[in-house]
Amino acid sequence: MSLPLALDVASAKPAGKRPYFLEQEVERVLGIAMAAVQELAVARQRMDTLERILEAKGVMTREEIDAFRPDADQAAERGLWMQEYLVRVLRIVQQEGEAIAADAKGDIRSEEVAVELSDGA
């Protein structure tokens, strides 16, 4: 996934206001932490699977995996992945910043239109 595509994905959001059950700041931090937890859990399971298969087939040991050092191109690819990952994890901060900017410009939000339409019905 490219960085522009990651930014587009991070900008995608459901209609309506975000429900908050705790203080908004706590919810924001919790959302960021849970996004990171989810990513880490999936990555850990996949990594474990690959290491077990490689070891079982005699391709390489876990010690060889631990000793691997990426070359310049591999390091650059990892750097791009890290940027995309951070965009996904910090999505809520980006979206809240966009909402504040929209309010400052006086843009009408979709949830405000829905309230106006429902009041007029």
PDB file of N, CA and C in Angstrom:
ATOM      1  N   MET A   1       0.861  -1.177   0.000  1.00  0.00           N
ATOM      2  CA  MET A   1       0.000   0.000   0.000  1.00  0.00           C
ATOM      3  C   MET A   1       0.896   1.225   0.000  1.00  0.00           C
ATOM      4  N   SER A   2       0.559   2.194  -0.863  1.00  0.00           N
ATOM      5  CA  SER A   2       1.335   3.425  -0.927  1.00  0.00           C
ATOM      6  C   SER A   2       0.881   4.391   0.157  1.00  0.00           C
ATOM      7  N   LEU A   3       1.712   5.364   0.451  1.00  0.00           N
ATOM      8  CA  LEU A   3       1.365   6.351   1.477  1.00  0.00           C
ATOM      9  C   LEU A   3       0.113   7.135   1.095  1.00  0.00           C
ATOM     10  N   PRO A   4      -0.045   7.600  -0.178  1.00  0.00           N
ATOM     11  CA  PRO A   4      -1.295   8.298  -0.514  1.00  0.00           C
ATOM     12  C   PRO A   4      -2.531   7.417  -0.316  1.00  0.00           C
ATOM     13  N   LEU A   5      -2.429   6.142  -0.679  1.00  0.00           N
ATOM     14  CA  LEU A   5      -3.561   5.237  -0.477  1.00  0.00           C
ATOM     15  C   LEU A   5      -3.825   5.048   1.008  1.00  0.00           C
ATOM     16  N   ALA A   6      -2.776   4.931   1.811  1.00  0.00           N
ATOM     17  CA  ALA A   6      -2.953   4.792   3.260  1.00  0.00           C
ATOM     18  C   ALA A   6      -3.639   6.023   3.837  1.00  0.00           C
ATOM     19  N   LEU A   7      -3.296   7.194   3.325  1.00  0.00           N
ATOM     20  CA  LEU A   7      -3.937   8.421   3.800  1.00  0.00           C
ATOM     21  C   LEU A   7      -5.418   8.431   3.422  1.00  0.00           C
ATOM     22  N   ASP A   8      -5.740   7.944   2.205  1.00  0.00           N
ATOM     23  CA  ASP A   8      -7.145   7.864   1.797  1.00  0.00           C
ATOM     24  C   ASP A   8      -7.912   6.898   2.685  1.00  0.00           C
ATOM     25  N   VAL A   9      -7.318   5.750   2.973  1.00  0.00           N
ATOM     26  CA  VAL A   9      -7.970   4.763   3.837  1.00  0.00           C
ATOM     27  C   VAL A   9      -8.167   5.337   5.230  1.00  0.00           C
ATOM     28  N   ALA A  10      -7.162   6.043   5.729  1.00  0.00           N
ATOM     29  CA  ALA A  10      -7.258   6.620   7.067  1.00  0.00           C
ATOM     30  C   ALA A  10      -8.332   7.698   7.129  1.00  0.00           C
ATOM     31  N   SER A  11      -8.593   8.346   6.001  1.00  0.00           N
ATOM     32  CA  SER A  11      -9.599   9.407   5.979  1.00  0.00           C
ATOM     33  C   SER A  11     -11.011   8.856   5.904  1.00  0.00           C
ATOM     34  N   ALA A  12     -11.165   7.607   5.496  1.00  0.00           N
ATOM     35  CA  ALA A  12     -12.498   7.021   5.402  1.00  0.00           C
ATOM     36  C   ALA A  12     -13.103   6.931   6.793  1.00  0.00           C
ATOM     37  N   LYS A  13     -14.336   7.372   6.902  1.00  0.00           N
ATOM     38  CA  LYS A  13     -14.971   7.343   8.214  1.00  0.00           C
ATOM     39  C   LYS A  13     -16.467   7.137   8.047  1.00  0.00           C
ATOM     40  N   PRO A  14     -17.075   6.525   9.031  1.00  0.00           N
ATOM     41  CA  PRO A  14     -18.513   6.329   8.955  1.00  0.00           C
ATOM     42  C   PRO A  14     -19.253   7.653   9.129  1.00  0.00           C
ATOM     43  N   ALA A  15     -20.491   7.697   8.642  1.00  0.00           N
ATOM     44  CA  ALA A  15     -21.303   8.898   8.804  1.00  0.00           C
ATOM     45  C   ALA A  15     -21.723   9.032  10.258  1.00  0.00           C
ATOM     46  N   GLY A  16     -21.998  10.244  10.677  1.00  0.00           N
ATOM     47  CA  GLY A  16     -22.458  10.466  12.040  1.00  0.00           C
ATOM     48  C   GLY A  16     -21.324  10.766  12.983  1.00  0.00           C
ATOM     49  N   LYS A  17     -21.712  11.119  14.194  1.00  0.00           N
ATOM     50  CA  LYS A  17     -20.721  11.452  15.214  1.00  0.00           C
ATOM     51  C   LYS A  17     -20.141  10.190  15.827  1.00  0.00           C
ATOM     52  N   ARG A  18     -18.894  10.280  16.224  1.00  0.00           N
ATOM     53  CA  ARG A  18     -18.222   9.180  16.902  1.00  0.00           C
ATOM     54  C   ARG A  18     -18.788   9.078  18.316  1.00  0.00           C
ATOM     55  N   PRO A  19     -19.229   7.884  18.713  1.00  0.00           N
ATOM     56  CA  PRO A  19     -19.739   7.755  20.087  1.00  0.00           C
ATOM     57  C   PRO A  19     -18.572   7.729  21.082  1.00  0.00           C
ATOM     58  N   TYR A  20     -18.710   8.475  22.158  1.00  0.00           N
ATOM     59  CA  TYR A  20     -17.699   8.488  23.205  1.00  0.00           C
ATOM     60  C   TYR A  20     -18.339   7.975  24.495  1.00  0.00           C
ATOM     61  N   PHE A  21     -17.687   6.995  25.111  1.00  0.00           N
ATOM     62  CA  PHE A  21     -18.190   6.410  26.349  1.00  0.00           C
ATOM     63  C   PHE A  21     -17.359   6.861  27.548  1.00  0.00           C
ATOM     64  N   LEU A  22     -16.129   7.280  27.273  1.00  0.00           N
ATOM     65  CA  LEU A  22     -15.237   7.815  28.299  1.00  0.00           C
ATOM     66  C   LEU A  22     -14.931   9.261  27.917  1.00  0.00           C
ATOM     67  N   GLU A  23     -14.059   9.902  28.652  1.00  0.00           N
ATOM     68  CA  GLU A  23     -13.633  11.243  28.272  1.00  0.00           C
ATOM     69  C   GLU A  23     -13.036  11.172  26.865  1.00  0.00           C
ATOM     70  N   GLN A  24     -13.261  12.189  26.058  1.00  0.00           N
ATOM     71  CA  GLN A  24     -12.842  12.172  24.663  1.00  0.00           C
ATOM     72  C   GLN A  24     -11.341  11.926  24.508  1.00  0.00           C
ATOM     73  N   GLU A  25     -10.536  12.527  25.366  1.00  0.00           N
ATOM     74  CA  GLU A  25      -9.083  12.335  25.284  1.00  0.00           C
ATOM     75  C   GLU A  25      -8.702  10.892  25.600  1.00  0.00           C
ATOM     76  N   VAL A  26      -9.385  10.297  26.586  1.00  0.00           N
ATOM     77  CA  VAL A  26      -9.120   8.902  26.946  1.00  0.00           C
ATOM     78  C   VAL A  26      -9.511   7.994  25.787  1.00  0.00           C
ATOM     79  N   GLU A  27     -10.654   8.265  25.176  1.00  0.00           N
ATOM     80  CA  GLU A  27     -11.117   7.479  24.026  1.00  0.00           C
ATOM     81  C   GLU A  27     -10.111   7.560  22.885  1.00  0.00           C
ATOM     82  N   ARG A  28      -9.562   8.753  22.659  1.00  0.00           N
ATOM     83  CA  ARG A  28      -8.596   8.931  21.576  1.00  0.00           C
ATOM     84  C   ARG A  28      -7.360   8.063  21.821  1.00  0.00           C
ATOM     85  N   VAL A  29      -6.816   8.137  23.011  1.00  0.00           N
ATOM     86  CA  VAL A  29      -5.623   7.344  23.336  1.00  0.00           C
ATOM     87  C   VAL A  29      -5.946   5.856  23.280  1.00  0.00           C
ATOM     88  N   LEU A  30      -7.108   5.470  23.795  1.00  0.00           N
ATOM     89  CA  LEU A  30      -7.511   4.070  23.759  1.00  0.00           C
ATOM     90  C   LEU A  30      -7.664   3.582  22.317  1.00  0.00           C
ATOM     91  N   GLY A  31      -8.250   4.419  21.462  1.00  0.00           N
ATOM     92  CA  GLY A  31      -8.399   4.049  20.055  1.00  0.00           C
ATOM     93  C   GLY A  31      -7.060   3.831  19.375  1.00  0.00           C
ATOM     94  N   ILE A  32      -6.116   4.709  19.653  1.00  0.00           N
ATOM     95  CA  ILE A  32      -4.767   4.576  19.084  1.00  0.00           C
ATOM     96  C   ILE A  32      -4.101   3.310  19.606  1.00  0.00           C
ATOM     97  N   ALA A  33      -4.188   3.092  20.913  1.00  0.00           N
ATOM     98  CA  ALA A  33      -3.567   1.904  21.502  1.00  0.00           C
ATOM     99  C   ALA A  33      -4.188   0.621  20.950  1.00  0.00           C
ATOM    100  N   MET A  34      -5.505   0.595  20.813  1.00  0.00           N
ATOM    101  CA  MET A  34      -6.162  -0.623  20.322  1.00  0.00           C
ATOM    102  C   MET A  34      -5.841  -0.885  18.851  1.00  0.00           C
ATOM    103  N   ALA A  35      -5.678   0.163  18.052  1.00  0.00           N
ATOM    104  CA  ALA A  35      -5.265  -0.019  16.661  1.00  0.00           C
ATOM    105  C   ALA A  35      -3.873  -0.653  16.614  1.00  0.00           C
ATOM    106  N   ALA A  36      -2.977  -0.173  17.468  1.00  0.00           N
ATOM    107  CA  ALA A  36      -1.630  -0.737  17.524  1.00  0.00           C
ATOM    108  C   ALA A  36      -1.658  -2.175  18.031  1.00  0.00           C
ATOM    109  N   VAL A  37      -2.471  -2.448  19.036  1.00  0.00           N
ATOM    110  CA  VAL A  37      -2.590  -3.808  19.584  1.00  0.00           C
ATOM    111  C   VAL A  37      -3.082  -4.768  18.512  1.00  0.00           C
ATOM    112  N   GLN A  38      -4.096  -4.352  17.759  1.00  0.00           N
ATOM    113  CA  GLN A  38      -4.646  -5.206  16.715  1.00  0.00           C
ATOM    114  C   GLN A  38      -3.587  -5.522  15.656  1.00  0.00           C
ATOM    115  N   GLU A  39      -2.886  -4.495  15.207  1.00  0.00           N
ATOM    116  CA  GLU A  39      -1.840  -4.698  14.204  1.00  0.00           C
ATOM    117  C   GLU A  39      -0.754  -5.635  14.726  1.00  0.00           C
ATOM    118  N   LEU A  40      -0.342  -5.435  15.957  1.00  0.00           N
ATOM    119  CA  LEU A  40       0.715  -6.251  16.542  1.00  0.00           C
ATOM    120  C   LEU A  40       0.277  -7.703  16.698  1.00  0.00           C
ATOM    121  N   ALA A  41      -0.945  -7.921  17.131  1.00  0.00           N
ATOM    122  CA  ALA A  41      -1.434  -9.286  17.326  1.00  0.00           C
ATOM    123  C   ALA A  41      -1.444 -10.064  16.010  1.00  0.00           C
ATOM    124  N   VAL A  42      -1.932  -9.441  14.957  1.00  0.00           N
ATOM    125  CA  VAL A  42      -1.974 -10.101  13.653  1.00  0.00           C
ATOM    126  C   VAL A  42      -0.554 -10.381  13.156  1.00  0.00           C
ATOM    127  N   ALA A  43       0.317  -9.393  13.268  1.00  0.00           N
ATOM    128  CA  ALA A  43       1.698  -9.565  12.824  1.00  0.00           C
ATOM    129  C   ALA A  43       2.397 -10.672  13.604  1.00  0.00           C
ATOM    130  N   ARG A  44       2.177 -10.707  14.905  1.00  0.00           N
ATOM    131  CA  ARG A  44       2.816 -11.731  15.748  1.00  0.00           C
ATOM    132  C   ARG A  44       2.364 -13.136  15.364  1.00  0.00           C
ATOM    133  N   GLN A  45       1.066 -13.303  15.103  1.00  0.00           N
ATOM    134  CA  GLN A  45       0.560 -14.621  14.701  1.00  0.00           C
ATOM    135  C   GLN A  45       1.152 -15.056  13.362  1.00  0.00           C
ATOM    136  N   ARG A  46       1.209 -14.141  12.416  1.00  0.00           N
ATOM    137  CA  ARG A  46       1.767 -14.475  11.102  1.00  0.00           C
ATOM    138  C   ARG A  46       3.266 -14.790  11.206  1.00  0.00           C
ATOM    139  N   MET A  47       3.981 -14.007  11.979  1.00  0.00           N
ATOM    140  CA  MET A  47       5.408 -14.231  12.149  1.00  0.00           C
ATOM    141  C   MET A  47       5.669 -15.595  12.798  1.00  0.00           C
ATOM    142  N   ASP A  48       4.896 -15.915  13.809  1.00  0.00           N
ATOM    143  CA  ASP A  48       5.038 -17.201  14.481  1.00  0.00           C
ATOM    144  C   ASP A  48       4.784 -18.348  13.509  1.00  0.00           C
ATOM    145  N   THR A  49       3.745 -18.202  12.692  1.00  0.00           N
ATOM    146  CA  THR A  49       3.426 -19.228  11.695  1.00  0.00           C
ATOM    147  C   THR A  49       4.593 -19.418  10.732  1.00  0.00           C
ATOM    148  N   LEU A  50       5.105 -18.332  10.201  1.00  0.00           N
ATOM    149  CA  LEU A  50       6.219 -18.415   9.252  1.00  0.00           C
ATOM    150  C   LEU A  50       7.465 -19.026   9.881  1.00  0.00           C
ATOM    151  N   GLU A  51       7.797 -18.601  11.085  1.00  0.00           N
ATOM    152  CA  GLU A  51       8.986 -19.148  11.740  1.00  0.00           C
ATOM    153  C   GLU A  51       8.841 -20.645  11.979  1.00  0.00           C
ATOM    154  N   ARG A  52       7.670 -21.091  12.391  1.00  0.00           N
ATOM    155  CA  ARG A  52       7.456 -22.521  12.634  1.00  0.00           C
ATOM    156  C   ARG A  52       7.540 -23.335  11.348  1.00  0.00           C
ATOM    157  N   ILE A  53       6.962 -22.801  10.269  1.00  0.00           N
ATOM    158  CA  ILE A  53       7.019 -23.514   8.976  1.00  0.00           C
ATOM    159  C   ILE A  53       8.454 -23.586   8.475  1.00  0.00           C
ATOM    160  N   LEU A  54       9.162 -22.472   8.525  1.00  0.00           N
ATOM    161  CA  LEU A  54      10.548 -22.448   8.063  1.00  0.00           C
ATOM    162  C   LEU A  54      11.425 -23.415   8.853  1.00  0.00           C
ATOM    163  N   GLU A  55      11.233 -23.429  10.160  1.00  0.00           N
ATOM    164  CA  GLU A  55      12.010 -24.327  11.013  1.00  0.00           C
ATOM    165  C   GLU A  55      11.639 -25.783  10.755  1.00  0.00           C
ATOM    166  N   ALA A  56      10.348 -26.080  10.638  1.00  0.00           N
ATOM    167  CA  ALA A  56       9.885 -27.458  10.418  1.00  0.00           C
ATOM    168  C   ALA A  56      10.389 -28.008   9.086  1.00  0.00           C
ATOM    169  N   LYS A  57      10.492 -27.161   8.077  1.00  0.00           N
ATOM    170  CA  LYS A  57      10.969 -27.599   6.758  1.00  0.00           C
ATOM    171  C   LYS A  57      12.487 -27.562   6.647  1.00  0.00           C
ATOM    172  N   GLY A  58      13.149 -27.127   7.701  1.00  0.00           N
ATOM    173  CA  GLY A  58      14.612 -27.084   7.691  1.00  0.00           C
ATOM    174  C   GLY A  58      15.173 -25.980   6.823  1.00  0.00           C
ATOM    175  N   VAL A  59      14.365 -24.970   6.516  1.00  0.00           N
ATOM    176  CA  VAL A  59      14.821 -23.874   5.664  1.00  0.00           C
ATOM    177  C   VAL A  59      15.768 -22.963   6.433  1.00  0.00           C
ATOM    178  N   MET A  60      15.376 -22.584   7.652  1.00  0.00           N
ATOM    179  CA  MET A  60      16.235 -21.759   8.503  1.00  0.00           C
ATOM    180  C   MET A  60      15.755 -21.842   9.939  1.00  0.00           C
ATOM    181  N   THR A  61      16.623 -21.453  10.825  1.00  0.00           N
ATOM    182  CA  THR A  61      16.291 -21.482  12.251  1.00  0.00           C
ATOM    183  C   THR A  61      15.841 -20.092  12.693  1.00  0.00           C
ATOM    184  N   ARG A  62      15.268 -20.039  13.864  1.00  0.00           N
ATOM    185  CA  ARG A  62      14.862 -18.743  14.412  1.00  0.00           C
ATOM    186  C   ARG A  62      16.087 -17.866  14.704  1.00  0.00           C
ATOM    187  N   GLU A  63      17.194 -18.489  15.030  1.00  0.00           N
ATOM    188  CA  GLU A  63      18.424 -17.724  15.274  1.00  0.00           C
ATOM    189  C   GLU A  63      18.873 -17.016  13.995  1.00  0.00           C
ATOM    190  N   GLU A  64      18.748 -17.692  12.842  1.00  0.00           N
ATOM    191  CA  GLU A  64      19.105 -17.059  11.565  1.00  0.00           C
ATOM    192  C   GLU A  64      18.164 -15.881  11.264  1.00  0.00           C
ATOM    193  N   ILE A  65      16.901 -16.043  11.602  1.00  0.00           N
ATOM    194  CA  ILE A  65      15.932 -14.954  11.399  1.00  0.00           C
ATOM    195  C   ILE A  65      16.314 -13.764  12.273  1.00  0.00           C
ATOM    196  N   ASP A  66      16.657 -14.025  13.526  1.00  0.00           N
ATOM    197  CA  ASP A  66      17.040 -12.952  14.441  1.00  0.00           C
ATOM    198  C   ASP A  66      18.306 -12.234  13.979  1.00  0.00           C
ATOM    199  N   ALA A  67      19.195 -12.931  13.289  1.00  0.00           N
ATOM    200  CA  ALA A  67      20.464 -12.351  12.859  1.00  0.00           C
ATOM    201  C   ALA A  67      20.355 -11.564  11.550  1.00  0.00           C
ATOM    202  N   PHE A  68      19.215 -11.615  10.873  1.00  0.00           N
ATOM    203  CA  PHE A  68      19.030 -10.936   9.584  1.00  0.00           C
ATOM    204  C   PHE A  68      19.170  -9.429   9.716  1.00  0.00           C
ATOM    205  N   ARG A  69      19.884  -8.809   8.786  1.00  0.00           N
ATOM    206  CA  ARG A  69      20.019  -7.352   8.722  1.00  0.00           C
ATOM    207  C   ARG A  69      19.609  -6.914   7.317  1.00  0.00           C
ATOM    208  N   PRO A  70      18.623  -6.005   7.192  1.00  0.00           N
ATOM    209  CA  PRO A  70      18.151  -5.592   5.861  1.00  0.00           C
ATOM    210  C   PRO A  70      19.178  -4.743   5.117  1.00  0.00           C
ATOM    211  N   ASP A  71      19.158  -4.851   3.764  1.00  0.00           N
ATOM    212  CA  ASP A  71      19.999  -3.972   2.961  1.00  0.00           C
ATOM    213  C   ASP A  71      19.277  -2.628   2.804  1.00  0.00           C
ATOM    214  N   ALA A  72      19.854  -1.706   2.051  1.00  0.00           N
ATOM    215  CA  ALA A  72      19.300  -0.351   1.937  1.00  0.00           C
ATOM    216  C   ALA A  72      17.889  -0.354   1.351  1.00  0.00           C
ATOM    217  N   ASP A  73      17.654  -1.135   0.282  1.00  0.00           N
ATOM    218  CA  ASP A  73      16.323  -1.176  -0.331  1.00  0.00           C
ATOM    219  C   ASP A  73      15.293  -1.775   0.627  1.00  0.00           C
ATOM    220  N   GLN A  74      15.684  -2.820   1.306  1.00  0.00           N
ATOM    221  CA  GLN A  74      14.776  -3.451   2.265  1.00  0.00           C
ATOM    222  C   GLN A  74      14.464  -2.501   3.419  1.00  0.00           C
ATOM    223  N   ALA A  75      15.465  -1.768   3.868  1.00  0.00           N
ATOM    224  CA  ALA A  75      15.259  -0.804   4.947  1.00  0.00           C
ATOM    225  C   ALA A  75      14.318   0.313   4.493  1.00  0.00           C
ATOM    226  N   ALA A  76      14.456   0.764   3.238  1.00  0.00           N
ATOM    227  CA  ALA A  76      13.566   1.805   2.709  1.00  0.00           C
ATOM    228  C   ALA A  76      12.132   1.289   2.627  1.00  0.00           C
ATOM    229  N   GLU A  77      11.966   0.045   2.194  1.00  0.00           N
ATOM    230  CA  GLU A  77      10.629  -0.557   2.121  1.00  0.00           C
ATOM    231  C   GLU A  77      10.011  -0.657   3.515  1.00  0.00           C
ATOM    232  N   ARG A  78      10.817  -1.040   4.483  1.00  0.00           N
ATOM    233  CA  ARG A  78      10.327  -1.105   5.867  1.00  0.00           C
ATOM    234  C   ARG A  78       9.946   0.285   6.375  1.00  0.00           C
ATOM    235  N   GLY A  79      10.721   1.291   5.992  1.00  0.00           N
ATOM    236  CA  GLY A  79      10.418   2.665   6.400  1.00  0.00           C
ATOM    237  C   GLY A  79       9.083   3.140   5.844  1.00  0.00           C
ATOM    238  N   LEU A  80       8.801   2.821   4.577  1.00  0.00           N
ATOM    239  CA  LEU A  80       7.517   3.172   3.975  1.00  0.00           C
ATOM    240  C   LEU A  80       6.385   2.453   4.691  1.00  0.00           C
ATOM    241  N   TRP A  81       6.584   1.183   4.986  1.00  0.00           N
ATOM    242  CA  TRP A  81       5.553   0.432   5.713  1.00  0.00           C
ATOM    243  C   TRP A  81       5.277   1.090   7.068  1.00  0.00           C
ATOM    244  N   MET A  82       6.327   1.531   7.740  1.00  0.00           N
ATOM    245  CA  MET A  82       6.158   2.161   9.054  1.00  0.00           C
ATOM    246  C   MET A  82       5.334   3.433   8.951  1.00  0.00           C
ATOM    247  N   GLN A  83       5.579   4.240   7.910  1.00  0.00           N
ATOM    248  CA  GLN A  83       4.797   5.458   7.711  1.00  0.00           C
ATOM    249  C   GLN A  83       3.318   5.121   7.493  1.00  0.00           C
ATOM    250  N   GLU A  84       3.041   4.125   6.654  1.00  0.00           N
ATOM    251  CA  GLU A  84       1.663   3.703   6.392  1.00  0.00           C
ATOM    252  C   GLU A  84       0.997   3.189   7.671  1.00  0.00           C
ATOM    253  N   TYR A  85       1.745   2.460   8.446  1.00  0.00           N
ATOM    254  CA  TYR A  85       1.240   1.912   9.709  1.00  0.00           C
ATOM    255  C   TYR A  85       0.861   3.033  10.674  1.00  0.00           C
ATOM    256  N   LEU A  86       1.734   4.025  10.801  1.00  0.00           N
ATOM    257  CA  LEU A  86       1.458   5.137  11.706  1.00  0.00           C
ATOM    258  C   LEU A  86       0.229   5.924  11.253  1.00  0.00           C
ATOM    259  N   VAL A  87       0.034   6.049   9.952  1.00  0.00           N
ATOM    260  CA  VAL A  87      -1.166   6.712   9.443  1.00  0.00           C
ATOM    261  C   VAL A  87      -2.410   5.955   9.897  1.00  0.00           C
ATOM    262  N   ARG A  88      -2.383   4.622   9.817  1.00  0.00           N
ATOM    263  CA  ARG A  88      -3.534   3.820  10.246  1.00  0.00           C
ATOM    264  C   ARG A  88      -3.757   3.951  11.747  1.00  0.00           C
ATOM    265  N   VAL A  89      -2.696   3.879  12.526  1.00  0.00           N
ATOM    266  CA  VAL A  89      -2.820   3.919  13.981  1.00  0.00           C
ATOM    267  C   VAL A  89      -3.305   5.289  14.455  1.00  0.00           C
ATOM    268  N   LEU A  90      -2.830   6.340  13.821  1.00  0.00           N
ATOM    269  CA  LEU A  90      -3.177   7.700  14.258  1.00  0.00           C
ATOM    270  C   LEU A  90      -4.361   8.280  13.485  1.00  0.00           C
ATOM    271  N   ARG A  91      -5.140   7.442  12.843  1.00  0.00           N
ATOM    272  CA  ARG A  91      -6.291   7.850  12.045  1.00  0.00           C
ATOM    273  C   ARG A  91      -7.229   8.771  12.814  1.00  0.00           C
ATOM    274  N   ILE A  92      -7.536   8.442  14.062  1.00  0.00           N
ATOM    275  CA  ILE A  92      -8.487   9.229  14.850  1.00  0.00           C
ATOM    276  C   ILE A  92      -7.997  10.657  15.055  1.00  0.00           C
ATOM    277  N   VAL A  93      -6.710  10.835  15.253  1.00  0.00           N
ATOM    278  CA  VAL A  93      -6.159  12.176  15.443  1.00  0.00           C
ATOM    279  C   VAL A  93      -6.319  12.975  14.149  1.00  0.00           C
ATOM    280  N   GLN A  94      -6.037  12.348  13.017  1.00  0.00           N
ATOM    281  CA  GLN A  94      -6.180  13.009  11.726  1.00  0.00           C
ATOM    282  C   GLN A  94      -7.631  13.417  11.496  1.00  0.00           C
ATOM    283  N   GLN A  95      -8.557  12.508  11.740  1.00  0.00           N
ATOM    284  CA  GLN A  95      -9.968  12.797  11.496  1.00  0.00           C
ATOM    285  C   GLN A  95     -10.487  13.894  12.414  1.00  0.00           C
ATOM    286  N   GLU A  96     -10.072  13.900  13.653  1.00  0.00           N
ATOM    287  CA  GLU A  96     -10.507  14.961  14.559  1.00  0.00           C
ATOM    288  C   GLU A  96      -9.921  16.304  14.138  1.00  0.00           C
ATOM    289  N   GLY A  97      -8.703  16.305  13.655  1.00  0.00           N
ATOM    290  CA  GLY A  97      -8.105  17.543  13.141  1.00  0.00           C
ATOM    291  C   GLY A  97      -8.864  18.063  11.935  1.00  0.00           C
ATOM    292  N   GLU A  98      -9.275  17.163  11.052  1.00  0.00           N
ATOM    293  CA  GLU A  98     -10.064  17.555   9.887  1.00  0.00           C
ATOM    294  C   GLU A  98     -11.419  18.115  10.313  1.00  0.00           C
ATOM    295  N   ALA A  99     -12.028  17.518  11.338  1.00  0.00           N
ATOM    296  CA  ALA A  99     -13.325  18.002  11.826  1.00  0.00           C
ATOM    297  C   ALA A  99     -13.183  19.403  12.412  1.00  0.00           C
ATOM    298  N   ILE A 100     -12.107  19.654  13.142  1.00  0.00           N
ATOM    299  CA  ILE A 100     -11.874  20.985  13.713  1.00  0.00           C
ATOM    300  C   ILE A 100     -11.671  22.001  12.593  1.00  0.00           C
ATOM    301  N   ALA A 101     -10.917  21.613  11.559  1.00  0.00           N
ATOM    302  CA  ALA A 101     -10.688  22.517  10.433  1.00  0.00           C
ATOM    303  C   ALA A 101     -11.991  22.799   9.695  1.00  0.00           C
ATOM    304  N   ALA A 102     -12.839  21.789   9.538  1.00  0.00           N
ATOM    305  CA  ALA A 102     -14.129  21.977   8.869  1.00  0.00           C
ATOM    306  C   ALA A 102     -15.013  22.921   9.674  1.00  0.00           C
ATOM    307  N   ASP A 103     -15.003  22.781  10.992  1.00  0.00           N
ATOM    308  CA  ASP A 103     -15.788  23.674  11.857  1.00  0.00           C
ATOM    309  C   ASP A 103     -15.292  25.118  11.726  1.00  0.00           C
ATOM    310  N   ALA A 104     -13.973  25.269  11.662  1.00  0.00           N
ATOM    311  CA  ALA A 104     -13.398  26.612  11.575  1.00  0.00           C
ATOM    312  C   ALA A 104     -13.774  27.283  10.257  1.00  0.00           C
ATOM    313  N   LYS A 105     -13.912  26.488   9.205  1.00  0.00           N
ATOM    314  CA  LYS A 105     -14.291  27.036   7.897  1.00  0.00           C
ATOM    315  C   LYS A 105     -15.797  27.237   7.793  1.00  0.00           C
ATOM    316  N   GLY A 106     -16.550  26.686   8.740  1.00  0.00           N
ATOM    317  CA  GLY A 106     -18.000  26.807   8.686  1.00  0.00           C
ATOM    318  C   GLY A 106     -18.665  25.765   7.816  1.00  0.00           C
ATOM    319  N   ASP A 107     -17.944  24.720   7.472  1.00  0.00           N
ATOM    320  CA  ASP A 107     -18.536  23.644   6.669  1.00  0.00           C
ATOM    321  C   ASP A 107     -19.660  22.975   7.442  1.00  0.00           C
ATOM    322  N   ILE A 108     -20.670  22.543   6.729  1.00  0.00           N
ATOM    323  CA  ILE A 108     -21.790  21.842   7.350  1.00  0.00           C
ATOM    324  C   ILE A 108     -21.469  20.350   7.358  1.00  0.00           C
ATOM    325  N   ARG A 109     -21.635  19.714   8.504  1.00  0.00           N
ATOM    326  CA  ARG A 109     -21.372  18.283   8.639  1.00  0.00           C
ATOM    327  C   ARG A 109     -22.612  17.484   8.265  1.00  0.00           C
ATOM    328  N   SER A 110     -22.419  16.278   7.819  1.00  0.00           N
ATOM    329  CA  SER A 110     -23.539  15.429   7.406  1.00  0.00           C
ATOM    330  C   SER A 110     -24.507  15.164   8.553  1.00  0.00           C
ATOM    331  N   GLU A 111     -23.983  15.035   9.785  1.00  0.00           N
ATOM    332  CA  GLU A 111     -24.876  14.779  10.911  1.00  0.00           C
ATOM    333  C   GLU A 111     -25.758  15.993  11.218  1.00  0.00           C
ATOM    334  N   GLU A 112     -25.242  17.214  10.939  1.00  0.00           N
ATOM    335  CA  GLU A 112     -26.049  18.417  11.143  1.00  0.00           C
ATOM    336  C   GLU A 112     -27.188  18.466  10.135  1.00  0.00           C
ATOM    337  N   VAL A 113     -26.921  18.074   8.896  1.00  0.00           N
ATOM    338  CA  VAL A 113     -27.970  18.030   7.871  1.00  0.00           C
ATOM    339  C   VAL A 113     -29.014  17.021   8.253  1.00  0.00           C
ATOM    340  N   ALA A 114     -28.604  15.872   8.762  1.00  0.00           N
ATOM    341  CA  ALA A 114     -29.557  14.836   9.176  1.00  0.00           C
ATOM    342  C   ALA A 114     -30.462  15.329  10.292  1.00  0.00           C
ATOM    343  N   VAL A 115     -29.909  16.075  11.244  1.00  0.00           N
ATOM    344  CA  VAL A 115     -30.712  16.615  12.354  1.00  0.00           C
ATOM    345  C   VAL A 115     -31.717  17.626  11.808  1.00  0.00           C
ATOM    346  N   GLU A 116     -31.264  18.495  10.904  1.00  0.00           N
ATOM    347  CA  GLU A 116     -32.171  19.480  10.316  1.00  0.00           C
ATOM    348  C   GLU A 116     -33.304  18.806   9.554  1.00  0.00           C
ATOM    349  N   LEU A 117     -32.989  17.775   8.798  1.00  0.00           N
ATOM    350  CA  LEU A 117     -34.009  17.061   8.023  1.00  0.00           C
ATOM    351  C   LEU A 117     -34.993  16.346   8.937  1.00  0.00           C
ATOM    352  N   SER A 118     -34.491  15.753  10.009  1.00  0.00           N
ATOM    353  CA  SER A 118     -35.382  15.024  10.912  1.00  0.00           C
ATOM    354  C   SER A 118     -36.267  15.972  11.702  1.00  0.00           C
ATOM    355  N   ASP A 119     -35.776  17.180  12.010  1.00  0.00           N
ATOM    356  CA  ASP A 119     -36.590  18.159  12.722  1.00  0.00           C
ATOM    357  C   ASP A 119     -37.706  18.713  11.840  1.00  0.00           C
ATOM    358  N   GLY A 120     -37.436  18.762  10.550  1.00  0.00           N
ATOM    359  CA  GLY A 120     -38.428  19.314   9.642  1.00  0.00           C
ATOM    360  C   GLY A 120     -39.476  18.308   9.209  1.00  0.00           C
ATOM    361  N   ALA A 121     -39.278  17.048   9.541  1.00  0.00           N
ATOM    362  CA  ALA A 121     -40.212  16.013   9.069  1.00  0.00           C
ATOM    363  C   ALA A 121     -41.468  15.947   9.891  1.00  0.00           C
TER     364      ALA A 121
END
